[in-house]
C-alpha atoms as a PDB file:
ATOM      1  CA  UNK A   1     -32.574  27.546 -45.653  1.00  0.00           C
ATOM      2  CA  UNK A   2     -30.957  30.468 -43.807  1.00  0.00           C
ATOM      3  CA  UNK A   3     -34.344  31.632 -42.741  1.00  0.00           C
ATOM      4  CA  UNK A   4     -35.255  28.394 -41.138  1.00  0.00           C
ATOM      5  CA  UNK A   5     -34.520  28.118 -37.460  1.00  0.00           C
ATOM      6  CA  UNK A   6     -32.759  24.972 -36.230  1.00  0.00           C
ATOM      7  CA  UNK A   7     -35.435  23.707 -33.796  1.00  0.00           C
ATOM      8  CA  UNK A   8     -33.456  20.646 -33.095  1.00  0.00           C
ATOM      9  CA  UNK A   9     -30.591  22.718 -31.641  1.00  0.00           C
ATOM     10  CA  UNK A  10     -33.102  24.758 -29.588  1.00  0.00           C
ATOM     11  CA  UNK A  11     -34.594  21.608 -28.133  1.00  0.00           C
ATOM     12  CA  UNK A  12     -31.213  20.138 -27.319  1.00  0.00           C
ATOM     13  CA  UNK A  13     -30.046  23.465 -25.763  1.00  0.00           C
ATOM     14  CA  UNK A  14     -33.188  23.806 -23.727  1.00  0.00           C
ATOM     15  CA  UNK A  15     -32.819  20.199 -22.424  1.00  0.00           C
ATOM     16  CA  UNK A  16     -29.158  20.535 -21.398  1.00  0.00           C
ATOM     17  CA  UNK A  17     -29.683  23.903 -19.677  1.00  0.00           C
ATOM     18  CA  UNK A  18     -32.810  22.509 -17.806  1.00  0.00           C
ATOM     19  CA  UNK A  19     -30.829  19.604 -16.499  1.00  0.00           C
ATOM     20  CA  UNK A  20     -27.995  21.795 -15.411  1.00  0.00           C
ATOM     21  CA  UNK A  21     -30.275  24.318 -13.698  1.00  0.00           C
ATOM     22  CA  UNK A  22     -32.324  21.502 -12.015  1.00  0.00           C
ATOM     23  CA  UNK A  23     -29.060  19.901 -10.603  1.00  0.00           C
ATOM     24  CA  UNK A  24     -27.812  23.206  -9.502  1.00  0.00           C
ATOM     25  CA  UNK A  25     -31.044  24.036  -7.678  1.00  0.00           C
ATOM     26  CA  UNK A  26     -30.995  20.740  -5.837  1.00  0.00           C
ATOM     27  CA  UNK A  27     -27.410  21.111  -4.802  1.00  0.00           C
ATOM     28  CA  UNK A  28     -27.838  24.669  -3.561  1.00  0.00           C
ATOM     29  CA  UNK A  29     -31.090  23.874  -1.694  1.00  0.00           C
ATOM     30  CA  UNK A  30     -29.599  20.761  -0.172  1.00  0.00           C
ATOM     31  CA  UNK A  31     -32.446  18.576  -1.465  1.00  0.00           C
ATOM     32  CA  UNK A  32     -29.939  16.566  -3.573  1.00  0.00           C
ATOM     33  CA  UNK A  33     -29.167  14.510  -0.426  1.00  0.00           C
ATOM     34  CA  UNK A  34     -32.673  13.083  -0.608  1.00  0.00           C
ATOM     35  CA  UNK A  35     -31.684  11.490  -3.888  1.00  0.00           C
ATOM     36  CA  UNK A  36     -27.941  10.527  -3.609  1.00  0.00           C
ATOM     37  CA  UNK A  37     -25.235   9.965  -1.002  1.00  0.00           C
ATOM     38  CA  UNK A  38     -23.250  13.112  -0.264  1.00  0.00           C
ATOM     39  CA  UNK A  39     -20.026  11.461  -1.536  1.00  0.00           C
ATOM     40  CA  UNK A  40     -21.361  12.044  -4.979  1.00  0.00           C
ATOM     41  CA  UNK A  41     -21.801  15.846  -4.691  1.00  0.00           C
ATOM     42  CA  UNK A  42     -18.510  16.755  -6.255  1.00  0.00           C
ATOM     43  CA  UNK A  43     -19.362  14.464  -9.265  1.00  0.00           C
ATOM     44  CA  UNK A  44     -22.718  16.268  -9.628  1.00  0.00           C
ATOM     45  CA  UNK A  45     -20.952  19.718  -9.683  1.00  0.00           C
ATOM     46  CA  UNK A  46     -18.720  18.313 -12.441  1.00  0.00           C
ATOM     47  CA  UNK A  47     -21.666  17.129 -14.363  1.00  0.00           C
ATOM     48  CA  UNK A  48     -23.250  20.683 -14.217  1.00  0.00           C
ATOM     49  CA  UNK A  49     -20.005  22.124 -15.524  1.00  0.00           C
ATOM     50  CA  UNK A  50     -20.027  19.656 -18.308  1.00  0.00           C
ATOM     51  CA  UNK A  51     -23.592  20.355 -19.344  1.00  0.00           C
ATOM     52  CA  UNK A  52     -22.854  24.084 -19.461  1.00  0.00           C
ATOM     53  CA  UNK A  53     -19.767  23.681 -21.558  1.00  0.00           C
ATOM     54  CA  UNK A  54     -21.904  21.454 -23.935  1.00  0.00           C
ATOM     55  CA  UNK A  55     -24.532  24.124 -24.019  1.00  0.00           C
ATOM     56  CA  UNK A  56     -22.042  26.765 -25.020  1.00  0.00           C
ATOM     57  CA  UNK A  57     -20.602  24.554 -27.793  1.00  0.00           C
ATOM     58  CA  UNK A  58     -24.093  24.484 -29.361  1.00  0.00           C
ATOM     59  CA  UNK A  59     -24.646  28.225 -29.423  1.00  0.00           C
ATOM     60  CA  UNK A  60     -22.912  28.699 -32.687  1.00  0.00           C
ATOM     61  CA  UNK A  61     -25.403  26.365 -34.423  1.00  0.00           C
ATOM     62  CA  UNK A  62     -28.496  28.365 -33.504  1.00  0.00           C
ATOM     63  CA  UNK A  63     -28.230  30.632 -36.583  1.00  0.00           C
ATOM     64  CA  UNK A  64     -27.590  27.928 -39.139  1.00  0.00           C
ATOM     65  CA  UNK A  65     -30.689  27.128 -40.975  1.00  0.00           C
ATOM     66  CA  UNK A  66     -31.543  23.464 -41.279  1.00  0.00           C
ATOM     67  CA  UNK A  67     -34.312  21.099 -42.274  1.00  0.00           C
ATOM     68  CA  UNK A  68     -35.773  19.854 -39.024  1.00  0.00           C
ATOM     69  CA  UNK A  69     -35.905  16.151 -38.370  1.00  0.00           C
ATOM     70  CA  UNK A  70     -38.335  14.355 -36.035  1.00  0.00           C
ATOM     71  CA  UNK A  71     -38.136  16.147 -32.772  1.00  0.00           C
ATOM     72  CA  UNK A  72     -40.154  13.853 -30.684  1.00  0.00           C
ATOM     73  CA  UNK A  73     -37.226  11.733 -29.391  1.00  0.00           C
ATOM     74  CA  UNK A  74     -35.601  14.720 -27.938  1.00  0.00           C
ATOM     75  CA  UNK A  75     -38.375  15.183 -25.437  1.00  0.00           C
ATOM     76  CA  UNK A  76     -37.286  11.951 -23.752  1.00  0.00           C
ATOM     77  CA  UNK A  77     -34.257  13.878 -22.437  1.00  0.00           C
ATOM     78  CA  UNK A  78     -36.715  16.180 -20.548  1.00  0.00           C
ATOM     79  CA  UNK A  79     -38.419  13.305 -18.862  1.00  0.00           C
ATOM     80  CA  UNK A  80     -35.990  13.216 -15.796  1.00  0.00           C
ATOM     81  CA  UNK A  81     -36.688  16.951 -15.144  1.00  0.00           C
ATOM     82  CA  UNK A  82     -40.411  16.496 -15.574  1.00  0.00           C
ATOM     83  CA  UNK A  83     -40.574  13.514 -13.264  1.00  0.00           C
ATOM     84  CA  UNK A  84     -38.483  15.259 -10.623  1.00  0.00           C
ATOM     85  CA  UNK A  85     -40.893  18.241 -10.680  1.00  0.00           C
ATOM     86  CA  UNK A  86     -44.022  16.100 -10.471  1.00  0.00           C
ATOM     87  CA  UNK A  87     -42.638  13.586  -7.962  1.00  0.00           C
ATOM     88  CA  UNK A  88     -40.196  15.427  -5.749  1.00  0.00           C
ATOM     89  CA  UNK A  89     -37.980  13.506  -3.211  1.00  0.00           C
ATOM     90  CA  UNK A  90     -40.026  12.238  -0.273  1.00  0.00           C
ATOM     91  CA  UNK A  91     -38.763  13.901   2.868  1.00  0.00           C
ATOM     92  CA  UNK A  92     -38.879  11.916   6.055  1.00  0.00           C
ATOM     93  CA  UNK A  93     -38.334   8.531   4.422  1.00  0.00           C
ATOM     94  CA  UNK A  94     -39.992   6.066   2.243  1.00  0.00           C
ATOM     95  CA  UNK A  95     -41.674   3.700   4.646  1.00  0.00           C
ATOM     96  CA  UNK A  96     -39.274   0.817   4.318  1.00  0.00           C
ATOM     97  CA  UNK A  97     -38.361  -0.359   7.871  1.00  0.00           C
ATOM     98  CA  UNK A  98     -36.160  -3.135   8.990  1.00  0.00           C
ATOM     99  CA  UNK A  99     -34.329  -4.603  12.020  1.00  0.00           C
ATOM    100  CA  UNK A 100     -30.721  -5.513  11.153  1.00  0.00           C
ATOM    101  CA  UNK A 101     -29.374  -8.932  11.841  1.00  0.00           C
ATOM    102  CA  UNK A 102     -25.847  -9.699  13.059  1.00  0.00           C
ATOM    103  CA  UNK A 103     -23.345 -10.575  10.382  1.00  0.00           C
ATOM    104  CA  UNK A 104     -21.231 -12.658  12.945  1.00  0.00           C
ATOM    105  CA  UNK A 105     -23.078 -15.804  11.866  1.00  0.00           C
ATOM    106  CA  UNK A 106     -21.523 -15.536   8.421  1.00  0.00           C
ATOM    107  CA  UNK A 107     -18.173 -14.860   9.894  1.00  0.00           C
ATOM    108  CA  UNK A 108     -18.502 -17.917  12.173  1.00  0.00           C
ATOM    109  CA  UNK A 109     -19.326 -19.976   9.194  1.00  0.00           C
ATOM    110  CA  UNK A 110     -16.244 -18.896   7.291  1.00  0.00           C
ATOM    111  CA  UNK A 111     -14.151 -19.325  10.444  1.00  0.00           C
ATOM    112  CA  UNK A 112     -15.367 -23.005  10.758  1.00  0.00           C
ATOM    113  CA  UNK A 113     -14.569 -23.535   7.129  1.00  0.00           C
ATOM    114  CA  UNK A 114     -11.037 -22.286   7.648  1.00  0.00           C
ATOM    115  CA  UNK A 115     -10.570 -24.542  10.735  1.00  0.00           C
ATOM    116  CA  UNK A 116     -11.884 -27.523   8.684  1.00  0.00           C
ATOM    117  CA  UNK A 117      -9.419 -26.732   5.942  1.00  0.00           C
ATOM    118  CA  UNK A 118      -6.607 -26.544   8.365  1.00  0.00           C
ATOM    119  CA  UNK A 119      -7.570 -29.871   9.889  1.00  0.00           C
ATOM    120  CA  UNK A 120      -7.647 -31.481   6.454  1.00  0.00           C
ATOM    121  CA  UNK A 121      -4.209 -29.983   5.732  1.00  0.00           C
ATOM    122  CA  UNK A 122      -2.847 -31.475   8.977  1.00  0.00           C
ATOM    123  CA  UNK A 123      -4.380 -34.850   8.169  1.00  0.00           C
ATOM    124  CA  UNK A 124      -2.773 -34.870   4.664  1.00  0.00           C
ATOM    125  CA  UNK A 125       0.582 -33.963   6.336  1.00  0.00           C
ATOM    126  CA  UNK A 126       0.175 -36.762   8.818  1.00  0.00           C
ATOM    127  CA  UNK A 127      -0.542 -39.264   5.976  1.00  0.00           C
ATOM    128  CA  UNK A 128       2.397 -38.070   3.983  1.00  0.00           C
ATOM    129  CA  UNK A 129       4.688 -38.444   6.899  1.00  0.00           C
ATOM    130  CA  UNK A 130       3.340 -42.014   7.582  1.00  0.00           C
ATOM    131  CA  UNK A 131       3.779 -43.229   3.929  1.00  0.00           C
ATOM    132  CA  UNK A 132       6.745 -41.302   2.628  1.00  0.00           C
ATOM    133  CA  UNK A 133       9.002 -40.453   5.597  1.00  0.00           C
ATOM    134  CA  UNK A 134      11.376 -42.893   7.393  1.00  0.00           C
ATOM    135  CA  UNK A 135      10.701 -43.666  11.051  1.00  0.00           C
ATOM    136  CA  UNK A 136      13.070 -44.464  13.832  1.00  0.00           C
ATOM    137  CA  UNK A 137      12.325 -48.068  13.451  1.00  0.00           C
ATOM    138  CA  UNK A 138      13.263 -48.053   9.676  1.00  0.00           C
ATOM    139  CA  UNK A 139      16.543 -46.456  10.411  1.00  0.00           C
ATOM    140  CA  UNK A 140      17.394 -48.939  13.214  1.00  0.00           C
ATOM    141  CA  UNK A 141      16.463 -51.946  10.988  1.00  0.00           C
ATOM    142  CA  UNK A 142      18.522 -50.780   8.007  1.00  0.00           C
ATOM    143  CA  UNK A 143      21.640 -49.642   9.787  1.00  0.00           C
ATOM    144  CA  UNK A 144      21.574 -51.690  12.901  1.00  0.00           C
ATOM    145  CA  UNK A 145      21.935 -48.663  15.033  1.00  0.00           C
ATOM    146  CA  UNK A 146      19.279 -47.241  17.367  1.00  0.00           C
ATOM    147  CA  UNK A 147      17.682 -43.785  16.822  1.00  0.00           C
ATOM    148  CA  UNK A 148      19.239 -42.730  20.121  1.00  0.00           C
ATOM    149  CA  UNK A 149      22.803 -43.532  18.855  1.00  0.00           C
ATOM    150  CA  UNK A 150      22.087 -41.520  15.712  1.00  0.00           C
ATOM    151  CA  UNK A 151      20.971 -38.496  17.705  1.00  0.00           C
ATOM    152  CA  UNK A 152      23.940 -38.739  19.959  1.00  0.00           C
ATOM    153  CA  UNK A 153      26.281 -38.888  16.974  1.00  0.00           C
ATOM    154  CA  UNK A 154      24.802 -35.666  15.679  1.00  0.00           C
ATOM    155  CA  UNK A 155      25.351 -33.934  19.031  1.00  0.00           C
ATOM    156  CA  UNK A 156      21.622 -33.291  19.565  1.00  0.00           C
ATOM    157  CA  UNK A 157      19.519 -34.817  22.206  1.00  0.00           C
ATOM    158  CA  UNK A 158      15.798 -35.453  22.188  1.00  0.00           C
ATOM    159  CA  UNK A 159      15.453 -33.043  25.046  1.00  0.00           C
ATOM    160  CA  UNK A 160      17.167 -30.250  23.059  1.00  0.00           C
ATOM    161  CA  UNK A 161      14.788 -30.856  20.117  1.00  0.00           C
ATOM    162  CA  UNK A 162      11.785 -30.823  22.479  1.00  0.00           C
ATOM    163  CA  UNK A 163      12.988 -27.599  24.049  1.00  0.00           C
ATOM    164  CA  UNK A 164      13.257 -25.838  20.705  1.00  0.00           C
ATOM    165  CA  UNK A 165       9.819 -27.051  19.784  1.00  0.00           C
ATOM    166  CA  UNK A 166       8.370 -25.706  23.033  1.00  0.00           C
ATOM    167  CA  UNK A 167       9.965 -22.357  22.393  1.00  0.00           C
ATOM    168  CA  UNK A 168       8.479 -22.161  18.899  1.00  0.00           C
ATOM    169  CA  UNK A 169       5.128 -23.239  20.225  1.00  0.00           C
ATOM    170  CA  UNK A 170       5.210 -20.510  22.895  1.00  0.00           C
ATOM    171  CA  UNK A 171       6.006 -17.902  20.327  1.00  0.00           C
ATOM    172  CA  UNK A 172       3.166 -19.117  18.056  1.00  0.00           C
ATOM    173  CA  UNK A 173       0.713 -19.074  20.991  1.00  0.00           C
ATOM    174  CA  UNK A 174       1.760 -15.600  21.972  1.00  0.00           C
ATOM    175  CA  UNK A 175       1.257 -14.176  18.456  1.00  0.00           C
ATOM    176  CA  UNK A 176      -2.060 -15.942  18.199  1.00  0.00           C
ATOM    177  CA  UNK A 177      -3.113 -14.576  21.493  1.00  0.00           C
ATOM    178  CA  UNK A 178      -2.232 -11.062  20.414  1.00  0.00           C
ATOM    179  CA  UNK A 179      -4.286 -11.527  17.235  1.00  0.00           C
ATOM    180  CA  UNK A 180      -7.206 -12.807  19.257  1.00  0.00           C
ATOM    181  CA  UNK A 181      -7.053  -9.902  21.669  1.00  0.00           C
ATOM    182  CA  UNK A 182      -7.067  -7.415  18.692  1.00  0.00           C
ATOM    183  CA  UNK A 183     -10.172  -9.072  17.255  1.00  0.00           C
ATOM    184  CA  UNK A 184     -11.905  -9.253  20.714  1.00  0.00           C
ATOM    185  CA  UNK A 185     -11.406  -5.556  21.595  1.00  0.00           C
ATOM    186  CA  UNK A 186     -14.302  -3.775  23.060  1.00  0.00           C
ATOM    187  CA  UNK A 187     -16.082  -2.094  20.193  1.00  0.00           C
ATOM    188  CA  UNK A 188     -18.093   0.174  22.478  1.00  0.00           C
ATOM    189  CA  UNK A 189     -14.875   1.987  23.638  1.00  0.00           C
ATOM    190  CA  UNK A 190     -14.751   4.164  20.501  1.00  0.00           C
ATOM    191  CA  UNK A 191     -17.950   6.041  21.510  1.00  0.00           C
ATOM    192  CA  UNK A 192     -16.855   8.278  24.465  1.00  0.00           C
ATOM    193  CA  UNK A 193     -18.817  11.546  24.271  1.00  0.00           C
ATOM    194  CA  UNK A 194     -21.323  11.660  27.165  1.00  0.00           C
ATOM    195  CA  UNK A 195     -24.333  13.686  28.086  1.00  0.00           C
ATOM    196  CA  UNK A 196     -24.885  15.524  31.286  1.00  0.00           C
ATOM    197  CA  UNK A 197     -26.626  12.544  32.848  1.00  0.00           C
ATOM    198  CA  UNK A 198     -23.805  10.136  31.906  1.00  0.00           C
ATOM    199  CA  UNK A 199     -25.405   8.538  28.861  1.00  0.00           C
ATOM    200  CA  UNK A 200     -23.064   7.988  25.901  1.00  0.00           C
ATOM    201  CA  UNK A 201     -24.144  10.367  23.069  1.00  0.00           C
ATOM    202  CA  UNK A 202     -24.361   8.912  19.610  1.00  0.00           C
ATOM    203  CA  UNK A 203     -24.008  11.671  16.920  1.00  0.00           C
ATOM    204  CA  UNK A 204     -25.832  11.563  13.568  1.00  0.00           C
ATOM    205  CA  UNK A 205     -22.402  10.872  11.954  1.00  0.00           C
ATOM    206  CA  UNK A 206     -21.760   7.901  14.278  1.00  0.00           C
ATOM    207  CA  UNK A 207     -25.203   6.349  14.203  1.00  0.00           C
ATOM    208  CA  UNK A 208     -24.688   4.082  11.149  1.00  0.00           C
ATOM    209  CA  UNK A 209     -21.399   2.554  12.368  1.00  0.00           C
ATOM    210  CA  UNK A 210     -22.720   2.375  16.016  1.00  0.00           C
ATOM    211  CA  UNK A 211     -25.954   0.705  14.998  1.00  0.00           C
ATOM    212  CA  UNK A 212     -24.551  -2.169  12.964  1.00  0.00           C
ATOM    213  CA  UNK A 213     -21.646  -2.712  15.517  1.00  0.00           C
ATOM    214  CA  UNK A 214     -24.406  -2.853  18.149  1.00  0.00           C
ATOM    215  CA  UNK A 215     -25.868  -5.959  16.440  1.00  0.00           C
ATOM    216  CA  UNK A 216     -22.490  -7.588  15.629  1.00  0.00           C
ATOM    217  CA  UNK A 217     -20.965  -7.069  19.019  1.00  0.00           C
ATOM    218  CA  UNK A 218     -23.923  -6.814  21.408  1.00  0.00           C
ATOM    219  CA  UNK A 219     -21.973  -8.171  24.384  1.00  0.00           C
ATOM    220  CA  UNK A 220     -19.781  -5.161  24.242  1.00  0.00           C
ATOM    221  CA  UNK A 221     -22.675  -2.728  24.525  1.00  0.00           C
ATOM    222  CA  UNK A 222     -25.053  -4.451  26.986  1.00  0.00           C
ATOM    223  CA  UNK A 223     -25.753  -2.592  30.171  1.00  0.00           C
ATOM    224  CA  UNK A 224     -24.481   0.637  28.742  1.00  0.00           C
ATOM    225  CA  UNK A 225     -26.692   3.727  28.491  1.00  0.00           C
ATOM    226  CA  UNK A 226     -27.013   5.636  25.150  1.00  0.00           C
ATOM    227  CA  UNK A 227     -28.732   8.691  23.736  1.00  0.00           C
ATOM    228  CA  UNK A 228     -29.332   9.539  20.151  1.00  0.00           C
ATOM    229  CA  UNK A 229     -31.821  11.442  17.846  1.00  0.00           C
ATOM    230  CA  UNK A 230     -34.290   9.064  16.215  1.00  0.00           C
ATOM    231  CA  UNK A 231     -37.471   8.726  14.297  1.00  0.00           C
ATOM    232  CA  UNK A 232     -40.422   6.549  15.551  1.00  0.00           C
ATOM    233  CA  UNK A 233     -40.977   3.455  13.435  1.00  0.00           C
ATOM    234  CA  UNK A 234     -43.871   1.163  14.239  1.00  0.00           C
ATOM    235  CA  UNK A 235     -43.895  -2.534  13.210  1.00  0.00           C
ATOM    236  CA  UNK A 236     -46.893  -5.010  13.403  1.00  0.00           C
ATOM    237  CA  UNK A 237     -44.885  -7.809  14.810  1.00  0.00           C
ATOM    238  CA  UNK A 238     -43.842  -5.835  17.866  1.00  0.00           C
ATOM    239  CA  UNK A 239     -45.555  -5.648  21.169  1.00  0.00           C
ATOM    240  CA  UNK A 240     -48.010  -2.800  22.123  1.00  0.00           C
ATOM    241  CA  UNK A 241     -45.283  -1.100  24.253  1.00  0.00           C
ATOM    242  CA  UNK A 242     -42.508  -1.525  21.608  1.00  0.00           C
ATOM    243  CA  UNK A 243     -41.447   0.557  18.640  1.00  0.00           C
ATOM    244  CA  UNK A 244     -38.179   1.121  16.690  1.00  0.00           C
ATOM    245  CA  UNK A 245     -36.128   4.128  17.517  1.00  0.00           C
ATOM    246  CA  UNK A 246     -34.022   4.606  14.400  1.00  0.00           C
ATOM    247  CA  UNK A 247     -32.999   6.498  11.335  1.00  0.00           C
ATOM    248  CA  UNK A 248     -33.150   6.216   7.615  1.00  0.00           C
ATOM    249  CA  UNK A 249     -29.803   5.056   6.330  1.00  0.00           C
ATOM    250  CA  UNK A 250     -28.511   5.627   2.777  1.00  0.00           C
ATOM    251  CA  UNK A 251     -25.476   3.852   1.390  1.00  0.00           C
ATOM    252  CA  UNK A 252     -25.688   4.978  -2.237  1.00  0.00           C
ATOM    253  CA  UNK A 253     -28.911   6.593  -3.380  1.00  0.00           C
ATOM    254  CA  UNK A 254     -32.629   6.746  -2.683  1.00  0.00           C
ATOM    255  CA  UNK A 255     -33.171   3.206  -4.087  1.00  0.00           C
ATOM    256  CA  UNK A 256     -31.318   1.592  -1.114  1.00  0.00           C
ATOM    257  CA  UNK A 257     -32.815   3.977   1.508  1.00  0.00           C
ATOM    258  CA  UNK A 258     -33.871   1.789   4.509  1.00  0.00           C
ATOM    259  CA  UNK A 259     -35.096   2.759   8.024  1.00  0.00           C
ATOM    260  CA  UNK A 260     -33.142   0.806  10.676  1.00  0.00           C
ATOM    261  CA  UNK A 261     -33.971   1.016  14.376  1.00  0.00           C
ATOM    262  CA  UNK A 262     -33.501  -0.510  17.778  1.00  0.00           C
ATOM    263  CA  UNK A 263     -36.439  -2.090  19.505  1.00  0.00           C
ATOM    264  CA  UNK A 264     -37.537   0.281  22.278  1.00  0.00           C
ATOM    265  CA  UNK A 265     -39.759  -0.555  25.227  1.00  0.00           C
ATOM    266  CA  UNK A 266     -41.843   2.349  26.477  1.00  0.00           C
ATOM    267  CA  UNK A 267     -45.397   2.952  27.746  1.00  0.00           C
ATOM    268  CA  UNK A 268     -45.571   5.976  25.423  1.00  0.00           C
ATOM    269  CA  UNK A 269     -45.294   3.783  22.380  1.00  0.00           C
ATOM    270  CA  UNK A 270     -48.879   4.003  21.406  1.00  0.00           C
ATOM    271  CA  UNK A 271     -48.968   7.732  21.703  1.00  0.00           C
ATOM    272  CA  UNK A 272     -45.927   8.338  19.345  1.00  0.00           C
ATOM    273  CA  UNK A 273     -46.684   9.148  15.746  1.00  0.00           C
ATOM    274  CA  UNK A 274     -44.979   7.338  12.833  1.00  0.00           C
ATOM    275  CA  UNK A 275     -41.762   9.195  11.711  1.00  0.00           C
ATOM    276  CA  UNK A 276     -42.092  11.497  14.670  1.00  0.00           C
ATOM    277  CA  UNK A 277     -38.615  12.924  15.855  1.00  0.00           C
ATOM    278  CA  UNK A 278     -37.493  12.192  19.335  1.00  0.00           C
ATOM    279  CA  UNK A 279     -34.419  12.140  21.543  1.00  0.00           C
ATOM    280  CA  UNK A 280     -34.325   8.680  23.061  1.00  0.00           C
ATOM    281  CA  UNK A 281     -32.083   7.642  26.083  1.00  0.00           C
ATOM    282  CA  UNK A 282     -32.014   4.115  27.179  1.00  0.00           C
ATOM    283  CA  UNK A 283     -29.884   1.088  28.360  1.00  0.00           C
ATOM    284  CA  UNK A 284     -28.960  -1.591  25.975  1.00  0.00           C
ATOM    285  CA  UNK A 285     -30.502  -4.953  26.714  1.00  0.00           C
ATOM    286  CA  UNK A 286     -31.204  -8.197  24.857  1.00  0.00           C
ATOM    287  CA  UNK A 287     -34.361  -9.278  23.228  1.00  0.00           C
ATOM    288  CA  UNK A 288     -35.260 -12.395  21.102  1.00  0.00           C
ATOM    289  CA  UNK A 289     -36.768 -11.427  17.757  1.00  0.00           C
ATOM    290  CA  UNK A 290     -37.770 -14.188  15.325  1.00  0.00           C
ATOM    291  CA  UNK A 291     -35.197 -16.576  16.870  1.00  0.00           C
ATOM    292  CA  UNK A 292     -32.347 -14.148  17.000  1.00  0.00           C
ATOM    293  CA  UNK A 293     -30.900 -12.212  19.870  1.00  0.00           C
ATOM    294  CA  UNK A 294     -31.054  -8.461  19.011  1.00  0.00           C
ATOM    295  CA  UNK A 295     -30.357  -5.402  21.119  1.00  0.00           C
ATOM    296  CA  UNK A 296     -33.152  -3.455  22.770  1.00  0.00           C
ATOM    297  CA  UNK A 297     -33.506  -0.183  24.685  1.00  0.00           C
ATOM    298  CA  UNK A 298     -34.798  -0.428  28.294  1.00  0.00           C
ATOM    299  CA  UNK A 299     -35.430   2.189  31.049  1.00  0.00           C
ATOM    300  CA  UNK A 300     -36.140   4.618  28.313  1.00  0.00           C
ATOM    301  CA  UNK A 301     -36.509   8.312  28.511  1.00  0.00           C
ATOM    302  CA  UNK A 302     -38.165  10.072  25.520  1.00  0.00           C
ATOM    303  CA  UNK A 303     -38.301  13.714  24.544  1.00  0.00           C
ATOM    304  CA  UNK A 304     -39.698  15.152  21.455  1.00  0.00           C
ATOM    305  CA  UNK A 305     -37.288  17.134  19.218  1.00  0.00           C
ATOM    306  CA  UNK A 306     -37.023  18.840  15.844  1.00  0.00           C
ATOM    307  CA  UNK A 307     -35.721  17.152  12.730  1.00  0.00           C
ATOM    308  CA  UNK A 308     -31.921  17.498  12.149  1.00  0.00           C
ATOM    309  CA  UNK A 309     -30.593  19.451   9.263  1.00  0.00           C
ATOM    310  CA  UNK A 310     -29.913  16.102   7.441  1.00  0.00           C
ATOM    311  CA  UNK A 311     -32.683  13.745   8.068  1.00  0.00           C
ATOM    312  CA  UNK A 312     -30.909  10.668   6.606  1.00  0.00           C
ATOM    313  CA  UNK A 313     -27.769   8.979   7.892  1.00  0.00           C
ATOM    314  CA  UNK A 314     -25.214   8.531   5.252  1.00  0.00           C
ATOM    315  CA  UNK A 315     -23.356   5.264   6.009  1.00  0.00           C
ATOM    316  CA  UNK A 316     -19.668   5.014   4.974  1.00  0.00           C
ATOM    317  CA  UNK A 317     -18.307   1.546   4.800  1.00  0.00           C
ATOM    318  CA  UNK A 318     -14.779   0.361   4.014  1.00  0.00           C
END
């Protein structure tokens, strides 16, 4: 048995080393970001270290002779490497394009529900006060004294009670007003970097946040001029002079990769190629798309440009 090579260990060792080398190559070349979000890179480096440690632990078994079992199942572990070589990550996107919709509708729905709950609560309190609490009339009928006499005997007047209620009401209104102002702050103010011609520059890092806030708080951005690097996306249901100026956005991995863009009006639309890289500068307007009001870019200036180092936008949400 000592003369027999342990082919099972050789297959395991080859598979583990192949996976470690493949992951290391993708990380060093930067192509790993076509597969997963950059926030997972540290975890992938950790996986490489674990694979190498596992490979070292198997070295001692190479010289031990052993009757070889069925080796076919072990080739399944090589399948990810084989598929990655045969079907590498598609650079430039996967062709899945969409126009975002505002999430404010859902927020309004929940807001209405809260208001309704509050109204029901107030109604229940009112009913409890009517059925369970004593009124001034009840007090007067049982004791023979008027409600005014009772208040006078306690040293408090109705005016004093009313004044204290008004003070409490003013305090509540003031705090509510501050909360409303906090919610209604201008979301466009966080984007301040400007270009030479006065347009607000949206960096690759800010595109994801800017794009979704643009749809949720359109009134804050209308009339303001922006510039950003984008790809050209054509959609069949847009007009001949319209296209989407957007980016592929990834939140987790290649499976959720989606191209999001802003409807852009330009006479150059038909001459622009799909996925072509441009620098677009335009003023935010409003456009009705499938019954919803969405942002659009008007008075557009388009310049061709090179693809950025990272073609995808990696969206961080909290």
